[in-house]
Amino acid sequence: MVSSNSSEQIILQPATFESESLIYDYTCLLEDEMLKQGRFNQIFRENISSPDWAIFLIQYRGISIGFCSLHFKNSLHHASRIAELEEFFIVSKARGKGYGQQTIELLKKQCTQRYIYQMEVSTNKKRQKAHSFYVATGFKDSHHKLVMELN
């Protein structure tokens, strides 16, 4: 468990196999579509069992208000270990209250403890509020991600 120092304390609770259903629901809300649950469950179980992933429930006063995941990997072009913030979701009623900023601070601590060179995030261009949030929390808008769907 990782917590912030604020009086309105956010806790990052490591996800467990019992978190699977809730994180599935959050991910469907994030993506605004119903994902293939069987395939989601398989990937969730693989990721949660891997040391290259950290998946957290974001909790406020003991209640889950979202989730996030970091993917750790070695990068040749940085000659270092990096973390990609793969998913980050907070329920709509909890947005705008500083919980996202607190979560980013806690994730930065997680990365520092693992000797991570940098944390990266990419998000769909249509998510303008997310872009503004990430820049406001210290991410630099310095790269472009290009995507080619194959099936």
N, C-alpha and C. Protein backbone atom coordinates (compact mmCIF):
# COMPACT_ATOMS: atom_id res chain seq x y z
N MET A 1 0.84 -1.17 0.00
CA MET A 1 0.00 0.00 0.00
C MET A 1 0.89 1.23 0.00
N VAL A 2 0.55 2.23 -0.83
CA VAL A 2 1.29 3.47 -0.92
C VAL A 2 0.30 4.59 -0.67
N SER A 3 0.66 5.53 0.20
CA SER A 3 -0.27 6.62 0.50
C SER A 3 0.43 7.96 0.36
N SER A 4 -0.38 9.01 0.17
CA SER A 4 0.14 10.36 0.06
C SER A 4 0.15 11.00 1.45
N ASN A 5 0.71 12.20 1.54
CA ASN A 5 0.79 12.89 2.82
C ASN A 5 -0.35 13.88 3.02
N SER A 6 -1.24 14.01 2.08
CA SER A 6 -2.33 14.98 2.16
C SER A 6 -3.37 14.55 3.19
N SER A 7 -4.09 15.56 3.72
CA SER A 7 -5.18 15.24 4.64
C SER A 7 -6.31 14.51 3.90
N GLU A 8 -6.44 14.77 2.62
CA GLU A 8 -7.40 14.06 1.77
C GLU A 8 -6.63 12.92 1.10
N GLN A 9 -6.29 11.92 1.88
CA GLN A 9 -5.30 10.93 1.49
C GLN A 9 -5.81 9.90 0.48
N ILE A 10 -5.05 9.77 -0.58
CA ILE A 10 -5.26 8.75 -1.59
C ILE A 10 -4.31 7.60 -1.27
N ILE A 11 -4.77 6.40 -1.48
CA ILE A 11 -3.95 5.20 -1.28
C ILE A 11 -3.92 4.42 -2.59
N LEU A 12 -2.75 3.96 -2.96
CA LEU A 12 -2.62 3.03 -4.08
C LEU A 12 -2.55 1.64 -3.48
N GLN A 13 -3.60 0.89 -3.66
CA GLN A 13 -3.69 -0.48 -3.15
C GLN A 13 -3.33 -1.44 -4.27
N PRO A 14 -2.28 -2.22 -4.12
CA PRO A 14 -1.95 -3.17 -5.18
C PRO A 14 -3.16 -4.05 -5.53
N ALA A 15 -3.42 -4.16 -6.81
CA ALA A 15 -4.53 -4.98 -7.27
C ALA A 15 -4.26 -6.44 -6.96
N THR A 16 -5.33 -7.18 -6.78
CA THR A 16 -5.26 -8.62 -6.53
C THR A 16 -6.14 -9.31 -7.57
N PHE A 17 -6.12 -10.62 -7.56
CA PHE A 17 -6.99 -11.36 -8.47
C PHE A 17 -8.45 -11.03 -8.19
N GLU A 18 -8.76 -10.70 -6.93
CA GLU A 18 -10.14 -10.34 -6.57
C GLU A 18 -10.54 -8.98 -7.14
N SER A 19 -9.58 -8.17 -7.57
CA SER A 19 -9.85 -6.86 -8.16
C SER A 19 -10.27 -6.94 -9.62
N GLU A 20 -10.13 -8.11 -10.21
CA GLU A 20 -10.29 -8.27 -11.66
C GLU A 20 -11.60 -7.71 -12.19
N SER A 21 -12.70 -8.05 -11.56
CA SER A 21 -14.01 -7.62 -12.05
C SER A 21 -14.16 -6.10 -11.99
N LEU A 22 -13.73 -5.49 -10.89
CA LEU A 22 -13.82 -4.03 -10.74
C LEU A 22 -12.93 -3.34 -11.77
N ILE A 23 -11.74 -3.83 -11.96
CA ILE A 23 -10.82 -3.22 -12.92
C ILE A 23 -11.34 -3.42 -14.35
N TYR A 24 -11.98 -4.54 -14.61
CA TYR A 24 -12.63 -4.73 -15.91
C TYR A 24 -13.69 -3.64 -16.12
N ASP A 25 -14.53 -3.43 -15.12
CA ASP A 25 -15.58 -2.41 -15.24
C ASP A 25 -14.98 -1.03 -15.46
N TYR A 26 -13.94 -0.69 -14.70
CA TYR A 26 -13.27 0.60 -14.86
C TYR A 26 -12.67 0.75 -16.26
N THR A 27 -12.07 -0.33 -16.76
CA THR A 27 -11.44 -0.28 -18.07
C THR A 27 -12.48 -0.09 -19.17
N CYS A 28 -13.62 -0.73 -19.04
CA CYS A 28 -14.70 -0.53 -20.01
C CYS A 28 -15.19 0.92 -19.98
N LEU A 29 -15.27 1.51 -18.80
CA LEU A 29 -15.64 2.92 -18.70
C LEU A 29 -14.57 3.81 -19.33
N LEU A 30 -13.32 3.51 -19.06
CA LEU A 30 -12.21 4.27 -19.64
C LEU A 30 -12.25 4.24 -21.15
N GLU A 31 -12.47 3.07 -21.71
CA GLU A 31 -12.46 2.90 -23.16
C GLU A 31 -13.82 3.19 -23.81
N ASP A 32 -14.84 3.37 -22.98
CA ASP A 32 -16.20 3.64 -23.46
C ASP A 32 -16.69 2.53 -24.39
N GLU A 33 -16.38 1.29 -24.00
CA GLU A 33 -16.86 0.13 -24.74
C GLU A 33 -16.74 -1.12 -23.87
N MET A 34 -17.53 -2.10 -24.18
CA MET A 34 -17.44 -3.38 -23.49
C MET A 34 -16.34 -4.20 -24.14
N LEU A 35 -15.32 -4.49 -23.39
CA LEU A 35 -14.19 -5.27 -23.89
C LEU A 35 -14.51 -6.76 -23.80
N LYS A 36 -13.80 -7.56 -24.57
CA LYS A 36 -13.96 -9.02 -24.50
C LYS A 36 -13.47 -9.48 -23.13
N GLN A 37 -14.40 -9.88 -22.28
CA GLN A 37 -14.05 -10.15 -20.88
C GLN A 37 -13.10 -11.33 -20.73
N GLY A 38 -13.28 -12.38 -21.49
CA GLY A 38 -12.39 -13.53 -21.37
C GLY A 38 -10.96 -13.16 -21.67
N ARG A 39 -10.75 -12.43 -22.75
CA ARG A 39 -9.40 -12.01 -23.12
C ARG A 39 -8.85 -11.01 -22.11
N PHE A 40 -9.69 -10.09 -21.65
CA PHE A 40 -9.28 -9.14 -20.62
C PHE A 40 -8.79 -9.88 -19.38
N ASN A 41 -9.58 -10.85 -18.92
CA ASN A 41 -9.22 -11.60 -17.71
C ASN A 41 -7.88 -12.30 -17.87
N GLN A 42 -7.66 -12.89 -19.04
CA GLN A 42 -6.39 -13.58 -19.29
C GLN A 42 -5.21 -12.60 -19.20
N ILE A 43 -5.35 -11.44 -19.84
CA ILE A 43 -4.28 -10.45 -19.84
C ILE A 43 -4.08 -9.89 -18.43
N PHE A 44 -5.18 -9.62 -17.73
CA PHE A 44 -5.09 -9.11 -16.36
C PHE A 44 -4.29 -10.08 -15.49
N ARG A 45 -4.60 -11.35 -15.58
CA ARG A 45 -3.92 -12.35 -14.74
C ARG A 45 -2.44 -12.46 -15.10
N GLU A 46 -2.12 -12.35 -16.39
CA GLU A 46 -0.71 -12.36 -16.80
C GLU A 46 0.01 -11.14 -16.25
N ASN A 47 -0.61 -9.97 -16.41
CA ASN A 47 0.04 -8.73 -15.99
C ASN A 47 0.21 -8.66 -14.47
N ILE A 48 -0.81 -9.03 -13.74
CA ILE A 48 -0.74 -8.92 -12.29
C ILE A 48 0.30 -9.88 -11.70
N SER A 49 0.63 -10.92 -12.45
CA SER A 49 1.63 -11.90 -12.00
C SER A 49 3.04 -11.54 -12.44
N SER A 50 3.18 -10.50 -13.23
CA SER A 50 4.48 -10.14 -13.79
C SER A 50 5.17 -9.05 -12.97
N PRO A 51 6.47 -9.18 -12.74
CA PRO A 51 7.21 -8.11 -12.05
C PRO A 51 7.36 -6.86 -12.91
N ASP A 52 7.03 -6.97 -14.19
CA ASP A 52 7.13 -5.83 -15.10
C ASP A 52 5.88 -4.96 -15.09
N TRP A 53 4.92 -5.31 -14.25
CA TRP A 53 3.67 -4.54 -14.15
C TRP A 53 3.37 -4.21 -12.70
N ALA A 54 2.79 -3.05 -12.48
CA ALA A 54 2.23 -2.68 -11.18
C ALA A 54 0.83 -2.14 -11.45
N ILE A 55 -0.17 -2.81 -10.91
CA ILE A 55 -1.56 -2.41 -11.10
C ILE A 55 -2.11 -2.06 -9.73
N PHE A 56 -2.74 -0.89 -9.64
CA PHE A 56 -3.24 -0.39 -8.37
C PHE A 56 -4.69 0.01 -8.45
N LEU A 57 -5.42 -0.24 -7.38
CA LEU A 57 -6.70 0.42 -7.16
C LEU A 57 -6.40 1.74 -6.49
N ILE A 58 -7.04 2.79 -6.94
CA ILE A 58 -6.90 4.10 -6.31
C ILE A 58 -8.03 4.21 -5.30
N GLN A 59 -7.66 4.39 -4.04
CA GLN A 59 -8.68 4.39 -2.98
C GLN A 59 -8.66 5.70 -2.20
N TYR A 60 -9.85 6.13 -1.83
CA TYR A 60 -10.03 7.31 -0.99
C TYR A 60 -10.98 6.91 0.14
N ARG A 61 -10.50 7.06 1.35
CA ARG A 61 -11.27 6.68 2.54
C ARG A 61 -11.79 5.25 2.45
N GLY A 62 -10.94 4.36 1.94
CA GLY A 62 -11.27 2.94 1.88
C GLY A 62 -12.17 2.54 0.72
N ILE A 63 -12.52 3.49 -0.14
CA ILE A 63 -13.40 3.20 -1.28
C ILE A 63 -12.59 3.35 -2.56
N SER A 64 -12.73 2.37 -3.45
CA SER A 64 -12.03 2.44 -4.74
C SER A 64 -12.71 3.49 -5.60
N ILE A 65 -11.89 4.41 -6.11
CA ILE A 65 -12.40 5.47 -6.99
C ILE A 65 -11.76 5.39 -8.38
N GLY A 66 -10.93 4.38 -8.61
CA GLY A 66 -10.30 4.22 -9.91
C GLY A 66 -9.17 3.21 -9.85
N PHE A 67 -8.41 3.19 -10.93
CA PHE A 67 -7.25 2.29 -10.98
C PHE A 67 -6.21 2.88 -11.92
N CYS A 68 -5.00 2.34 -11.82
CA CYS A 68 -3.93 2.72 -12.73
C CYS A 68 -2.97 1.55 -12.86
N SER A 69 -2.20 1.58 -13.94
CA SER A 69 -1.19 0.54 -14.12
C SER A 69 0.07 1.12 -14.74
N LEU A 70 1.18 0.61 -14.28
CA LEU A 70 2.49 0.97 -14.81
C LEU A 70 3.11 -0.27 -15.44
N HIS A 71 3.70 -0.09 -16.61
CA HIS A 71 4.44 -1.16 -17.27
C HIS A 71 5.91 -0.76 -17.27
N PHE A 72 6.73 -1.56 -16.65
CA PHE A 72 8.16 -1.30 -16.55
C PHE A 72 8.88 -2.07 -17.65
N LYS A 73 9.80 -1.38 -18.32
CA LYS A 73 10.54 -2.05 -19.40
C LYS A 73 11.89 -1.39 -19.60
N ASN A 74 12.82 -2.16 -20.12
CA ASN A 74 14.13 -1.65 -20.46
C ASN A 74 14.06 -1.06 -21.86
N SER A 75 14.63 0.13 -22.00
CA SER A 75 14.56 0.84 -23.27
C SER A 75 15.97 1.01 -23.84
N LEU A 76 16.18 0.48 -25.03
CA LEU A 76 17.48 0.64 -25.67
C LEU A 76 17.79 2.10 -25.95
N HIS A 77 16.80 2.85 -26.46
CA HIS A 77 17.10 4.23 -26.85
C HIS A 77 17.27 5.18 -25.66
N HIS A 78 16.96 4.73 -24.47
CA HIS A 78 17.28 5.49 -23.26
C HIS A 78 18.43 4.84 -22.48
N ALA A 79 18.74 3.61 -22.84
CA ALA A 79 19.73 2.81 -22.10
C ALA A 79 19.40 2.81 -20.61
N SER A 80 18.10 2.72 -20.35
CA SER A 80 17.60 2.76 -18.98
C SER A 80 16.26 2.04 -18.89
N ARG A 81 15.83 1.89 -17.67
CA ARG A 81 14.51 1.31 -17.41
C ARG A 81 13.50 2.45 -17.34
N ILE A 82 12.35 2.27 -18.01
CA ILE A 82 11.31 3.29 -18.03
C ILE A 82 10.00 2.67 -17.57
N ALA A 83 9.06 3.52 -17.27
CA ALA A 83 7.71 3.08 -16.90
C ALA A 83 6.72 3.79 -17.81
N GLU A 84 5.77 3.03 -18.32
CA GLU A 84 4.69 3.63 -19.09
C GLU A 84 3.41 3.52 -18.28
N LEU A 85 2.77 4.65 -18.10
CA LEU A 85 1.47 4.68 -17.44
C LEU A 85 0.46 4.21 -18.48
N GLU A 86 0.12 2.94 -18.41
CA GLU A 86 -0.72 2.31 -19.43
C GLU A 86 -2.20 2.66 -19.28
N GLU A 87 -2.69 2.58 -18.06
CA GLU A 87 -4.09 2.92 -17.79
C GLU A 87 -4.14 3.81 -16.57
N PHE A 88 -5.05 4.77 -16.62
CA PHE A 88 -5.27 5.67 -15.48
C PHE A 88 -6.72 6.13 -15.55
N PHE A 89 -7.50 5.73 -14.56
CA PHE A 89 -8.93 6.04 -14.58
C PHE A 89 -9.40 6.39 -13.18
N ILE A 90 -10.14 7.48 -13.09
CA ILE A 90 -10.82 7.88 -11.86
C ILE A 90 -12.29 8.10 -12.22
N VAL A 91 -13.19 7.56 -11.40
CA VAL A 91 -14.62 7.69 -11.67
C VAL A 91 -14.99 9.17 -11.75
N SER A 92 -15.99 9.47 -12.58
CA SER A 92 -16.33 10.87 -12.86
C SER A 92 -16.66 11.67 -11.61
N LYS A 93 -17.34 11.10 -10.65
CA LYS A 93 -17.74 11.86 -9.47
C LYS A 93 -16.55 12.22 -8.57
N ALA A 94 -15.41 11.58 -8.78
CA ALA A 94 -14.21 11.86 -7.97
C ALA A 94 -13.21 12.75 -8.71
N ARG A 95 -13.53 13.16 -9.92
CA ARG A 95 -12.60 13.98 -10.70
C ARG A 95 -12.67 15.44 -10.25
N GLY A 96 -11.58 16.15 -10.48
CA GLY A 96 -11.53 17.57 -10.15
C GLY A 96 -11.30 17.86 -8.68
N LYS A 97 -10.91 16.87 -7.91
CA LYS A 97 -10.72 17.03 -6.46
C LYS A 97 -9.27 16.86 -6.03
N GLY A 98 -8.37 16.76 -6.99
CA GLY A 98 -6.96 16.61 -6.67
C GLY A 98 -6.47 15.19 -6.51
N TYR A 99 -7.37 14.22 -6.65
CA TYR A 99 -6.98 12.82 -6.47
C TYR A 99 -6.05 12.35 -7.59
N GLY A 100 -6.27 12.84 -8.78
CA GLY A 100 -5.40 12.47 -9.89
C GLY A 100 -3.97 12.96 -9.68
N GLN A 101 -3.84 14.22 -9.25
CA GLN A 101 -2.52 14.78 -8.96
C GLN A 101 -1.83 13.97 -7.86
N GLN A 102 -2.57 13.63 -6.81
CA GLN A 102 -1.99 12.82 -5.73
C GLN A 102 -1.54 11.46 -6.25
N THR A 103 -2.35 10.89 -7.13
CA THR A 103 -2.01 9.57 -7.69
C THR A 103 -0.72 9.66 -8.49
N ILE A 104 -0.57 10.70 -9.31
CA ILE A 104 0.65 10.86 -10.10
C ILE A 104 1.85 10.99 -9.16
N GLU A 105 1.72 11.72 -8.08
CA GLU A 105 2.83 11.86 -7.13
C GLU A 105 3.20 10.50 -6.53
N LEU A 106 2.21 9.70 -6.20
CA LEU A 106 2.48 8.37 -5.66
C LEU A 106 3.13 7.47 -6.71
N LEU A 107 2.71 7.59 -7.95
CA LEU A 107 3.32 6.80 -9.03
C LEU A 107 4.77 7.22 -9.24
N LYS A 108 5.04 8.50 -9.14
CA LYS A 108 6.43 8.97 -9.25
C LYS A 108 7.29 8.34 -8.16
N LYS A 109 6.76 8.24 -6.95
CA LYS A 109 7.50 7.60 -5.86
C LYS A 109 7.75 6.13 -6.18
N GLN A 110 6.73 5.45 -6.72
CA GLN A 110 6.90 4.04 -7.11
C GLN A 110 8.04 3.91 -8.11
N CYS A 111 8.08 4.80 -9.08
CA CYS A 111 9.12 4.75 -10.11
C CYS A 111 10.49 5.05 -9.53
N THR A 112 10.58 6.03 -8.66
CA THR A 112 11.85 6.37 -8.03
C THR A 112 12.40 5.20 -7.23
N GLN A 113 11.53 4.52 -6.51
CA GLN A 113 11.96 3.37 -5.71
C GLN A 113 12.48 2.24 -6.59
N ARG A 114 12.04 2.20 -7.84
CA ARG A 114 12.47 1.14 -8.77
C ARG A 114 13.59 1.63 -9.71
N TYR A 115 14.14 2.79 -9.45
CA TYR A 115 15.21 3.37 -10.24
C TYR A 115 14.82 3.55 -11.71
N ILE A 116 13.62 4.03 -11.91
CA ILE A 116 13.10 4.25 -13.26
C ILE A 116 13.61 5.60 -13.77
N TYR A 117 14.09 5.61 -15.00
CA TYR A 117 14.64 6.82 -15.62
C TYR A 117 13.54 7.84 -15.91
N GLN A 118 12.43 7.39 -16.50
CA GLN A 118 11.33 8.31 -16.80
C GLN A 118 10.02 7.56 -16.86
N MET A 119 8.96 8.32 -16.63
CA MET A 119 7.60 7.78 -16.75
C MET A 119 6.98 8.42 -17.99
N GLU A 120 6.34 7.59 -18.80
CA GLU A 120 5.71 8.05 -20.04
C GLU A 120 4.22 7.76 -19.99
N VAL A 121 3.48 8.53 -20.76
CA VAL A 121 2.05 8.28 -20.91
C VAL A 121 1.66 8.69 -22.33
N SER A 122 0.75 7.96 -22.91
CA SER A 122 0.16 8.37 -24.18
C SER A 122 -1.35 8.23 -24.03
N THR A 123 -2.06 9.08 -24.73
CA THR A 123 -3.51 9.07 -24.63
C THR A 123 -4.12 9.48 -25.96
N ASN A 124 -5.31 9.04 -26.20
CA ASN A 124 -6.00 9.35 -27.45
C ASN A 124 -6.14 10.86 -27.62
N LYS A 125 -5.97 11.32 -28.84
CA LYS A 125 -6.05 12.76 -29.12
C LYS A 125 -7.38 13.37 -28.72
N LYS A 126 -8.44 12.57 -28.72
CA LYS A 126 -9.77 13.10 -28.37
C LYS A 126 -9.89 13.43 -26.89
N ARG A 127 -8.98 12.97 -26.08
CA ARG A 127 -9.05 13.19 -24.62
C ARG A 127 -8.28 14.45 -24.23
N GLN A 128 -8.80 15.59 -24.64
CA GLN A 128 -8.11 16.86 -24.40
C GLN A 128 -7.96 17.19 -22.92
N LYS A 129 -8.97 16.85 -22.11
CA LYS A 129 -8.85 17.11 -20.67
C LYS A 129 -7.73 16.28 -20.07
N ALA A 130 -7.58 15.05 -20.55
CA ALA A 130 -6.49 14.20 -20.06
C ALA A 130 -5.14 14.80 -20.45
N HIS A 131 -5.03 15.30 -21.67
CA HIS A 131 -3.76 15.92 -22.09
C HIS A 131 -3.42 17.08 -21.17
N SER A 132 -4.39 17.94 -20.91
CA SER A 132 -4.16 19.10 -20.03
C SER A 132 -3.75 18.64 -18.64
N PHE A 133 -4.41 17.62 -18.14
CA PHE A 133 -4.09 17.08 -16.81
C PHE A 133 -2.64 16.60 -16.77
N TYR A 134 -2.23 15.80 -17.75
CA TYR A 134 -0.88 15.26 -17.73
C TYR A 134 0.17 16.35 -17.81
N VAL A 135 -0.05 17.36 -18.65
CA VAL A 135 0.90 18.47 -18.73
C VAL A 135 0.94 19.21 -17.39
N ALA A 136 -0.21 19.43 -16.78
CA ALA A 136 -0.28 20.13 -15.49
C ALA A 136 0.43 19.36 -14.38
N THR A 137 0.52 18.03 -14.51
CA THR A 137 1.19 17.23 -13.48
C THR A 137 2.67 17.00 -13.77
N GLY A 138 3.18 17.61 -14.84
CA GLY A 138 4.61 17.56 -15.08
C GLY A 138 5.08 16.78 -16.29
N PHE A 139 4.16 16.13 -16.99
CA PHE A 139 4.55 15.44 -18.23
C PHE A 139 4.80 16.49 -19.31
N LYS A 140 5.80 16.26 -20.14
CA LYS A 140 6.10 17.16 -21.25
C LYS A 140 5.48 16.62 -22.53
N ASP A 141 4.86 17.49 -23.29
CA ASP A 141 4.26 17.12 -24.57
C ASP A 141 5.37 17.16 -25.63
N SER A 142 6.17 16.09 -25.68
CA SER A 142 7.37 16.12 -26.50
C SER A 142 7.44 15.03 -27.57
N HIS A 143 6.50 14.09 -27.57
CA HIS A 143 6.56 12.98 -28.50
C HIS A 143 5.19 12.79 -29.18
N HIS A 144 5.20 12.05 -30.25
CA HIS A 144 3.96 11.64 -30.90
C HIS A 144 3.94 10.12 -30.95
N LYS A 145 2.79 9.56 -30.68
CA LYS A 145 2.63 8.11 -30.78
C LYS A 145 1.77 7.84 -32.01
N LEU A 146 2.25 6.98 -32.86
CA LEU A 146 1.52 6.58 -34.06
C LEU A 146 1.05 5.14 -33.87
N VAL A 147 -0.13 4.86 -34.33
CA VAL A 147 -0.74 3.54 -34.10
C VAL A 147 -1.19 2.95 -35.44
N MET A 148 -0.94 1.66 -35.63
CA MET A 148 -1.41 0.93 -36.79
C MET A 148 -2.15 -0.31 -36.29
N GLU A 149 -3.46 -0.31 -36.43
CA GLU A 149 -4.22 -1.49 -36.04
C GLU A 149 -4.02 -2.60 -37.06
N LEU A 150 -3.82 -3.81 -36.57
CA LEU A 150 -3.52 -4.93 -37.47
C LEU A 150 -4.66 -5.93 -37.59
N ASN A 151 -5.65 -5.88 -36.70
CA ASN A 151 -6.81 -6.75 -36.86
C ASN A 151 -7.96 -6.25 -36.04
